[in-house]
C-alpha cells in the first residue's frame, strides 16, 4: 500500500470538543510491510500537559511525525487544533511550536543569529518586533548569557534550550516536545519542567514525549502509553498510576525468613535489598493485617510493614510487560 491517506479521510468528522489532538484509526505501514503505528485513537485535552510514553519501536516518533505533517498516514485520520493533517498542515503549523528529534541548528551562527534566522523564515512574524521576540525567547530558556556564542560550541543541553527557544518565538496554541530535557543537568531539567508548567498555565497545550517516567509524573496532567505500535492506555496521570497495584514492603533484620513467610502466603515477585523485602501482594482477599500477623508468628521481627503507592513506572511495567527502554 502506498503512503496515501485512506478514502475515509474524505468522510471524516471533526474532533471532539475540548481536544487539540485527535486521531482515529491512525495507521502507518512502511514499505516492506513494517507496521509502525496500528489503529491509534488518541485524544489530547486542551490545556493539558500530555505525556507520550513507550519503549523503543513503540511508534511514538512515527506518530509525532504524522501529527506534524512530516509523513502521511497509510490510513486513518488525525486532527490538530481542529484541522485535518497533513491536508491543512500549512494552516495549522504556524500555531504549533515543535522540537522533534533534536534541534536543527546552524553551527556557524550564534545562538541569537539562529533565532533571528528562524524568525525570519516565519511569514507571520512581524520583522519590526523580531529582536524583542528573540531576546525574550533566549531569556525564557536561560540562554541570554550565551546568545553570542556560536551554536557549534554549545553543549547538547544548550542546543536543546536553543531549539526550545525557537519553538517559543511566537505564542503557540500547541507545543510538541520530543525529549525536551535530553542532555540537561538536573538544574536545567528543573528549569525546563518549570517552563512547561508556566506555558500550560498560560493556556498552551504541551504534548511531551519522554523516556523519563518521573518527569512525566512531575509535570504531566495526562499521558498515553504505546507498545508495539498500539495504544495501551491513556488518561489522567493520577488515574494511570492508581490503576497499578502497589508493592508490599517489609523492613526487618530477618529478610530471609520474611521472604519465606510471604512466599508461603502467595506473595510473588519477591525482592530482597538489605533489610527490606518487597513483593507483589497476594491476589484475592488476603488481608494485610493477616500477613503481618503471619510474619510475627514466623519469628520475623517487623520494623515496618505496608504497601507503597504505585508509581507511573509500576503502571507502565504492568501495562506493557516490559521495562522502559531509554532509547525510545
Protein backbone atom coordinates (compact mmCIF):
# COMPACT_ATOMS: atom_id res chain seq x y z
CA UNK A 1 0.00 0.00 0.00
CA UNK A 2 1.30 3.44 -0.86
CA UNK A 3 1.56 6.21 1.71
CA UNK A 4 -1.76 7.86 0.95
CA UNK A 5 -4.50 8.92 3.26
CA UNK A 6 -7.35 6.47 3.06
CA UNK A 7 -10.56 7.49 1.36
CA UNK A 8 -12.25 7.51 4.74
CA UNK A 9 -10.44 10.77 5.43
CA UNK A 10 -12.73 12.45 2.95
CA UNK A 11 -15.72 11.49 5.08
CA UNK A 12 -14.10 12.34 8.40
CA UNK A 13 -15.96 14.01 11.18
CA UNK A 14 -14.23 16.70 13.18
CA UNK A 15 -12.51 16.21 16.50
CA UNK A 16 -14.40 16.02 19.74
CA UNK A 17 -14.94 19.15 21.83
CA UNK A 18 -12.06 20.24 24.05
CA UNK A 19 -9.33 18.32 22.22
CA UNK A 20 -6.31 19.80 20.44
CA UNK A 21 -5.04 16.50 19.01
CA UNK A 22 -7.34 13.68 18.00
CA UNK A 23 -6.59 10.61 15.90
CA UNK A 24 -8.93 7.88 14.74
CA UNK A 25 -7.58 4.60 13.45
CA UNK A 26 -4.30 6.32 12.61
CA UNK A 27 -2.04 3.75 10.96
CA UNK A 28 1.39 3.83 9.35
CA UNK A 29 2.80 0.89 7.44
CA UNK A 30 6.17 1.45 5.84
CA UNK A 31 7.29 -0.08 2.55
CA UNK A 32 8.32 -3.65 3.20
CA UNK A 33 5.35 -4.24 5.48
CA UNK A 34 6.63 -2.82 8.78
CA UNK A 35 3.61 -1.71 10.83
CA UNK A 36 4.84 1.24 12.91
CA UNK A 37 1.52 2.60 14.20
CA UNK A 38 -1.59 0.43 14.30
CA UNK A 39 -5.07 1.94 14.59
CA UNK A 40 -4.23 4.73 17.03
CA UNK A 41 -7.16 6.52 18.71
CA UNK A 42 -5.62 9.38 20.68
CA UNK A 43 -7.30 12.35 22.38
CA UNK A 44 -5.23 15.17 23.88
CA UNK A 45 -7.32 17.54 26.03
CA UNK A 46 -6.95 21.28 25.53
CA UNK A 47 -4.83 22.89 28.24
CA UNK A 48 -3.19 19.63 29.30
CA UNK A 49 0.45 18.68 29.61
CA UNK A 50 0.24 15.34 27.83
CA UNK A 51 2.98 12.75 28.25
CA UNK A 52 3.57 10.32 25.38
CA UNK A 53 5.30 7.16 26.60
CA UNK A 54 6.54 3.96 25.04
CA UNK A 55 9.61 1.74 24.67
CA UNK A 56 11.90 1.76 21.65
CA UNK A 57 9.98 0.91 18.48
CA UNK A 58 6.56 1.59 20.01
CA UNK A 59 5.60 4.14 17.34
CA UNK A 60 5.96 7.40 19.29
CA UNK A 61 8.21 9.21 16.83
CA UNK A 62 6.25 8.00 13.81
CA UNK A 63 3.05 9.28 15.43
CA UNK A 64 4.59 12.69 16.09
CA UNK A 65 5.85 12.93 12.52
CA UNK A 66 2.35 12.20 11.23
CA UNK A 67 0.82 14.79 13.56
CA UNK A 68 3.26 17.41 12.27
CA UNK A 69 2.52 16.57 8.63
CA UNK A 70 6.06 15.33 8.01
CA UNK A 71 4.83 11.93 6.79
CA UNK A 72 1.40 10.80 5.61
CA UNK A 73 -0.53 8.03 7.35
CA UNK A 74 -1.36 4.85 5.49
CA UNK A 75 -4.91 5.05 6.80
CA UNK A 76 -6.95 6.74 9.49
CA UNK A 77 -7.28 10.42 10.34
CA UNK A 78 -5.56 13.00 12.52
CA UNK A 79 -6.78 16.42 13.61
CA UNK A 80 -4.51 19.05 15.17
CA UNK A 81 -6.13 22.21 16.54
CA UNK A 82 -9.37 21.17 14.88
CA UNK A 83 -7.94 20.82 11.37
CA UNK A 84 -7.02 17.65 9.45
CA UNK A 85 -3.35 16.91 8.89
CA UNK A 86 -1.47 16.63 6.65
CA UNK A 87 -4.15 18.30 4.48
CA UNK A 88 -4.28 21.54 6.49
CA UNK A 89 -0.70 21.45 7.80
CA UNK A 90 0.18 24.86 6.35
CA UNK A 91 -2.72 26.43 8.26
CA UNK A 92 -2.11 24.54 11.49
CA UNK A 93 1.67 24.54 11.89
CA UNK A 94 2.10 28.32 12.44
CA UNK A 95 0.15 27.80 15.68
CA UNK A 96 2.38 24.89 16.74
CA UNK A 97 5.84 25.04 18.25
CA UNK A 98 7.84 21.84 17.88
CA UNK A 99 11.14 20.36 18.99
CA UNK A 100 11.42 16.93 17.36
CA UNK A 101 14.42 14.58 17.34
CA UNK A 102 16.75 17.36 18.47
CA UNK A 103 17.08 20.89 17.09
CA UNK A 104 18.46 21.56 13.60
CA UNK A 105 20.86 24.46 14.10
CA UNK A 106 23.31 26.48 12.01
CA UNK A 107 26.57 25.73 13.80
CA UNK A 108 28.41 28.66 12.26
CA UNK A 109 25.85 31.15 13.59
CA UNK A 110 25.46 32.37 17.15
CA UNK A 111 22.50 31.29 19.22
CA UNK A 112 20.92 34.70 18.73
CA UNK A 113 21.54 34.67 14.97
CA UNK A 114 19.96 31.21 14.72
CA UNK A 115 16.77 32.52 16.27
CA UNK A 116 16.78 35.57 14.01
CA UNK A 117 17.08 33.22 11.02
CA UNK A 118 14.23 31.02 12.25
CA UNK A 119 12.01 34.01 12.95
CA UNK A 120 12.75 35.50 9.53
CA UNK A 121 11.53 32.28 7.90
CA UNK A 122 8.12 32.66 9.56
CA UNK A 123 5.83 34.55 7.15
CA UNK A 124 3.53 35.53 10.02
CA UNK A 125 6.31 37.14 12.09
CA UNK A 126 6.42 40.95 12.23
CA UNK A 127 10.03 41.98 11.46
CA UNK A 128 9.60 45.18 13.49
CA UNK A 129 9.35 43.19 16.74
CA UNK A 130 11.79 40.42 15.80
CA UNK A 131 14.60 41.50 18.10
CA UNK A 132 12.30 41.67 21.12
CA UNK A 133 10.90 38.20 20.37
CA UNK A 134 14.38 36.71 20.05
CA UNK A 135 15.65 38.24 23.28
CA UNK A 136 12.53 37.16 25.16
CA UNK A 137 12.87 33.56 23.92
CA UNK A 138 16.58 33.46 24.86
CA UNK A 139 15.84 34.77 28.32
CA UNK A 140 12.99 32.32 28.84
CA UNK A 141 15.19 29.26 28.28
CA UNK A 142 18.18 30.64 30.20
CA UNK A 143 20.44 31.34 27.20
CA UNK A 144 20.66 35.14 27.35
CA UNK A 145 24.24 34.96 28.62
CA UNK A 146 25.36 32.55 25.89
CA UNK A 147 23.46 34.11 22.98
CA UNK A 148 26.65 35.45 21.40
CA UNK A 149 28.40 32.06 21.22
CA UNK A 150 28.33 30.03 18.03
CA UNK A 151 25.91 27.13 18.17
CA UNK A 152 28.63 24.60 17.29
CA UNK A 153 30.25 25.42 20.64
CA UNK A 154 27.03 24.70 22.55
CA UNK A 155 26.69 21.62 24.73
CA UNK A 156 23.87 19.18 23.99
CA UNK A 157 21.80 20.72 26.74
CA UNK A 158 22.35 24.25 25.39
CA UNK A 159 21.33 23.10 21.92
CA UNK A 160 18.13 21.66 23.42
CA UNK A 161 17.45 25.00 25.08
CA UNK A 162 18.02 26.86 21.81
CA UNK A 163 15.67 24.51 19.97
CA UNK A 164 13.04 25.15 22.61
CA UNK A 165 13.61 28.90 22.29
CA UNK A 166 12.96 28.61 18.55
CA UNK A 167 9.65 26.89 19.31
CA UNK A 168 8.72 29.76 21.64
CA UNK A 169 9.41 32.69 19.32
CA UNK A 170 5.68 33.12 18.74
CA UNK A 171 2.74 32.45 21.06
CA UNK A 172 1.68 28.87 20.43
CA UNK A 173 -1.60 27.05 20.96
CA UNK A 174 0.25 23.74 21.00
CA UNK A 175 3.83 22.83 21.85
CA UNK A 176 5.17 19.42 20.75
CA UNK A 177 8.37 18.43 22.55
CA UNK A 178 10.40 15.28 21.90
CA UNK A 179 12.68 14.57 24.89
CA UNK A 180 12.96 18.27 25.87
CA UNK A 181 15.33 17.67 28.82
CA UNK A 182 17.76 15.48 26.87
CA UNK A 183 21.34 16.44 27.76
CA UNK A 184 20.40 18.82 30.56
CA UNK A 185 21.87 18.70 34.04
CA UNK A 186 19.45 18.33 36.99
CA UNK A 187 19.11 22.10 37.42
CA UNK A 188 18.41 22.55 33.72
CA UNK A 189 15.80 19.80 33.85
CA UNK A 190 14.04 21.54 36.72
CA UNK A 191 14.05 24.82 34.80
CA UNK A 192 12.54 23.25 31.68
CA UNK A 193 9.89 21.47 33.76
CA UNK A 194 9.03 24.78 35.39
CA UNK A 195 8.82 26.43 31.96
CA UNK A 196 6.46 23.71 30.72
CA UNK A 197 4.21 24.32 33.72
CA UNK A 198 4.25 28.07 33.04
CA UNK A 199 3.31 27.56 29.40
CA UNK A 200 0.43 25.30 30.39
CA UNK A 201 -0.76 27.86 32.94
CA UNK A 202 -0.80 30.44 30.14
CA UNK A 203 -3.09 28.23 28.06
CA UNK A 204 -0.63 26.38 25.82
CA UNK A 205 -1.27 22.66 25.45
CA UNK A 206 2.01 20.73 25.72
CA UNK A 207 2.49 17.31 24.07
CA UNK A 208 5.64 15.84 25.58
CA UNK A 209 7.41 12.65 24.57
CA UNK A 210 9.85 11.45 27.22
CA UNK A 211 11.59 8.32 28.48
CA UNK A 212 11.83 9.79 31.99
CA UNK A 213 8.85 8.42 33.84
CA UNK A 214 9.43 10.57 36.91
CA UNK A 215 9.44 13.60 34.61
CA UNK A 216 6.02 12.63 33.29
CA UNK A 217 4.71 12.18 36.84
CA UNK A 218 6.08 15.56 37.93
CA UNK A 219 4.92 17.71 35.05
CA UNK A 220 2.15 15.97 33.08
CA UNK A 221 -1.57 16.02 33.76
CA UNK A 222 -2.40 13.30 31.22
CA UNK A 223 -0.48 10.53 29.47
CA UNK A 224 -0.71 7.79 26.87
CA UNK A 225 1.29 4.56 26.77
CA UNK A 226 2.30 2.97 23.46
CA UNK A 227 3.62 -0.57 22.95
CA UNK A 228 4.42 -2.29 19.64
CA UNK A 229 2.64 0.37 17.63
CA UNK A 230 -0.62 0.24 19.55
CA UNK A 231 -2.12 2.46 22.22
CA UNK A 232 -2.22 0.56 25.51
CA UNK A 233 -3.94 3.15 27.70
CA UNK A 234 -4.48 6.90 28.03
CA UNK A 235 -5.95 9.17 30.67
CA UNK A 236 -5.05 11.38 33.65
CA UNK A 237 -1.63 10.51 35.09
CA UNK A 238 -3.09 10.11 38.57
CA UNK A 239 -5.59 7.55 37.28
CA UNK A 240 -2.94 5.58 35.38
CA UNK A 241 -0.75 5.24 38.47
CA UNK A 242 -3.74 4.42 40.67
CA UNK A 243 -4.62 1.56 38.36
CA UNK A 244 -1.39 -0.27 39.20
CA UNK A 245 -1.04 -2.35 42.36
CA UNK A 246 1.46 -1.03 44.86
CA UNK A 247 4.20 -3.28 46.25
CA UNK A 248 4.09 -4.80 49.69
CA UNK A 249 7.20 -3.87 51.71
CA UNK A 250 8.63 -5.24 54.93
CA UNK A 251 11.62 -3.81 56.80
CA UNK A 252 13.18 -6.41 59.09
CA UNK A 253 16.53 -7.73 60.36
CA UNK A 254 15.24 -11.17 59.23
CA UNK A 255 14.78 -10.69 55.45
CA UNK A 256 15.24 -14.36 54.60
CA UNK A 257 12.50 -15.51 56.95
CA UNK A 258 10.25 -12.66 55.85
CA UNK A 259 10.60 -13.67 52.19
CA UNK A 260 9.82 -17.30 53.09
CA UNK A 261 6.65 -16.38 55.01
CA UNK A 262 5.42 -14.01 52.29
CA UNK A 263 6.00 -16.60 49.57
CA UNK A 264 4.12 -19.21 51.61
CA UNK A 265 1.12 -16.87 51.71
CA UNK A 266 1.05 -16.28 47.96
CA UNK A 267 3.22 -13.18 47.53
CA UNK A 268 5.16 -13.08 44.24
CA UNK A 269 7.97 -11.06 42.69
CA UNK A 270 10.00 -11.09 45.90
CA UNK A 271 12.99 -8.72 46.01
CA UNK A 272 15.37 -8.52 48.96
CA UNK A 273 17.57 -5.45 49.40
CA UNK A 274 19.41 -5.42 52.71
CA UNK A 275 16.83 -5.33 55.47
CA UNK A 276 13.98 -4.55 53.07
CA UNK A 277 11.80 -7.15 51.35
CA UNK A 278 9.25 -6.18 48.71
CA UNK A 279 6.73 -8.26 46.80
CA UNK A 280 3.54 -8.21 44.78
CA UNK A 281 0.70 -8.56 47.27
CA UNK A 282 -1.13 -11.89 47.14
CA UNK A 283 -4.27 -11.89 44.98
CA UNK A 284 -7.70 -12.40 46.43
CA UNK A 285 -8.95 -11.48 49.87
CA UNK A 286 -5.72 -11.78 51.86
CA UNK A 287 -5.72 -9.02 54.47
CA UNK A 288 -2.55 -7.07 55.14
CA UNK A 289 -3.15 -7.46 58.87
CA UNK A 290 -3.18 -11.24 58.43
CA UNK A 291 0.11 -11.14 56.54
CA UNK A 292 1.66 -9.02 59.27
CA UNK A 293 0.42 -11.48 61.91
CA UNK A 294 1.85 -14.39 59.90
CA UNK A 295 5.25 -12.69 59.80
CA UNK A 296 5.21 -12.22 63.56
CA UNK A 297 4.14 -15.84 64.15
CA UNK A 298 7.02 -16.92 61.92
CA UNK A 299 9.50 -15.20 64.19
CA UNK A 300 10.11 -12.24 61.88
CA UNK A 301 10.95 -9.01 63.70
CA UNK A 302 8.90 -6.48 61.75
CA UNK A 303 10.15 -2.89 61.93
CA UNK A 304 7.93 -1.52 59.15
CA UNK A 305 5.15 -3.01 57.05
CA UNK A 306 2.88 -1.57 54.38
CA UNK A 307 2.07 -1.06 50.71
CA UNK A 308 3.94 1.58 48.70
CA UNK A 309 1.91 3.80 46.40
CA UNK A 310 2.17 2.59 42.83
CA UNK A 311 4.25 4.81 40.55
CA UNK A 312 3.77 5.50 36.85
CA UNK A 313 6.68 3.13 36.26
CA UNK A 314 4.77 0.36 38.06
CA UNK A 315 1.78 1.08 35.82
CA UNK A 316 3.96 1.09 32.70
CA UNK A 317 5.50 -2.29 33.50
CA UNK A 318 2.10 -3.75 34.36
CA UNK A 319 0.59 -2.49 31.10
CA UNK A 320 3.39 -3.36 28.69
CA UNK A 321 5.01 -6.32 30.43
CA UNK A 322 8.44 -4.78 29.94
CA UNK A 323 10.80 -2.22 31.37
CA UNK A 324 11.29 1.19 29.85
CA UNK A 325 13.90 1.48 27.09
CA UNK A 326 15.61 4.84 27.42
CA UNK A 327 16.28 4.96 23.68
CA UNK A 328 12.55 5.07 22.91
